[in-house]
Amino acid sequence: MKLIITNDALDWFKKEMEATKGDYIRFYARYGGSSPFHEAFSLGMNREEPHDIGVETVEDGIHFYIENDDLWFFNEHDLHVKVDLTLDELKYEYTK
């Protein structure tokens, strides 16, 4: 699986989360909500040091990652992190 961060999303993280070079941003499965693959689970995200990285991409020195324990959530799909420019919010797309 791949983790793809668009340029708009990278700018969003820098502005909204004040992410800078050397920071780690984790995407994880959280209980509550729903996703295309799992009822009662949704995608969460926060700034957190890694323990056991399963997938990682580095953009402008910022590390975006998913822990090995959370890979099940993505059902063997790539995660594309984009921005809904009308709402100025992150949006997620999953592709095979």
Protein backbone atom coordinates (compact mmCIF):
# COMPACT_ATOMS: atom_id res chain seq x y z
CA MET A 1 0.00 0.00 0.00
CA LYS A 2 1.01 3.59 -0.57
CA LEU A 3 0.35 6.79 1.35
CA ILE A 4 0.04 9.76 -1.03
CA ILE A 5 -0.04 13.35 0.27
CA THR A 6 -1.00 15.98 -2.31
CA ASN A 7 0.67 19.41 -2.33
CA ASP A 8 -2.59 21.00 -1.13
CA ALA A 9 -2.73 18.54 1.76
CA LEU A 10 0.92 19.22 2.64
CA ASP A 11 0.15 22.95 2.75
CA TRP A 12 -2.92 22.21 4.92
CA PHE A 13 -0.78 20.30 7.45
CA LYS A 14 1.76 23.11 7.57
CA LYS A 15 -0.94 25.73 8.12
CA GLU A 16 -3.52 23.95 10.30
CA MET A 17 -1.23 21.69 12.34
CA GLU A 18 1.88 23.86 12.11
CA ALA A 19 3.75 20.77 10.88
CA THR A 20 7.42 21.35 10.18
CA LYS A 21 10.43 19.35 9.06
CA GLY A 22 11.01 16.40 11.39
CA ASP A 23 7.37 16.08 12.55
CA TYR A 24 5.49 12.78 12.37
CA ILE A 25 1.82 12.66 11.38
CA ARG A 26 0.06 9.35 11.99
CA PHE A 27 -3.07 8.04 10.23
CA TYR A 28 -4.87 5.35 12.22
CA ALA A 29 -8.06 3.34 12.59
CA ARG A 30 -10.31 4.73 15.30
CA TYR A 31 -13.51 3.39 16.74
CA GLY A 32 -16.56 5.40 15.72
CA GLY A 33 -17.97 6.66 12.47
CA SER A 34 -17.67 4.59 9.32
CA SER A 35 -15.38 4.06 6.37
CA PRO A 36 -15.73 2.52 2.92
CA PHE A 37 -14.46 -0.80 4.34
CA HIS A 38 -15.49 -1.00 8.00
CA GLU A 39 -18.67 -0.01 9.79
CA ALA A 40 -17.99 1.58 13.22
CA PHE A 41 -14.40 2.55 12.32
CA SER A 42 -13.11 5.72 10.69
CA LEU A 43 -9.77 7.26 9.86
CA GLY A 44 -8.07 9.33 12.55
CA MET A 45 -4.98 11.48 12.31
CA ASN A 46 -2.65 13.17 14.81
CA ARG A 47 0.93 14.22 15.47
CA GLU A 48 2.64 11.30 17.18
CA GLU A 49 6.04 9.59 17.30
CA PRO A 50 6.03 6.19 15.53
CA HIS A 51 6.47 2.79 17.19
CA ASP A 52 6.28 0.29 14.30
CA ILE A 53 5.85 2.00 10.92
CA GLY A 54 4.06 -0.05 8.27
CA VAL A 55 3.87 2.60 5.54
CA GLU A 56 5.57 5.98 5.40
CA THR A 57 6.00 8.85 3.00
CA VAL A 58 8.09 11.95 3.63
CA GLU A 59 7.09 15.28 2.10
CA ASP A 60 9.22 18.38 2.70
CA GLY A 61 10.81 16.66 5.70
CA ILE A 62 7.44 15.83 7.34
CA HIS A 63 6.87 12.12 7.98
CA PHE A 64 3.37 10.79 7.27
CA TYR A 65 2.84 7.21 8.35
CA ILE A 66 0.58 4.32 9.28
CA GLU A 67 1.55 1.84 11.99
CA ASN A 68 1.69 -1.88 11.09
CA ASP A 69 -1.17 -2.54 13.52
CA ASP A 70 -3.46 -0.22 11.51
CA LEU A 71 -2.80 -1.56 8.02
CA TRP A 72 -5.87 -3.86 8.22
CA PHE A 73 -8.11 -0.79 8.10
CA PHE A 74 -7.07 0.10 4.54
CA ASN A 75 -8.08 -3.27 3.06
CA GLU A 76 -5.00 -3.31 0.76
CA HIS A 77 -5.88 0.10 -0.73
CA ASP A 78 -3.65 3.15 -1.16
CA LEU A 79 -4.59 6.22 0.87
CA HIS A 80 -4.68 9.54 -0.99
CA VAL A 81 -4.82 12.56 1.32
CA LYS A 82 -6.27 15.61 -0.45
CA VAL A 83 -8.02 18.85 0.45
CA ASP A 84 -11.59 19.81 -0.30
CA LEU A 85 -10.80 23.36 -1.39
CA THR A 86 -14.39 24.58 -0.87
CA LEU A 87 -14.44 23.49 2.77
CA ASP A 88 -10.67 23.77 3.42
CA GLU A 89 -10.79 20.29 5.01
CA LEU A 90 -8.87 17.10 4.41
CA LYS A 91 -10.53 14.42 2.33
CA TYR A 92 -9.44 10.85 1.90
CA GLU A 93 -9.63 8.61 -1.14
CA TYR A 94 -8.84 4.91 -1.23
CA THR A 95 -7.64 3.26 -4.45
CA LYS A 96 -6.59 -0.27 -5.30
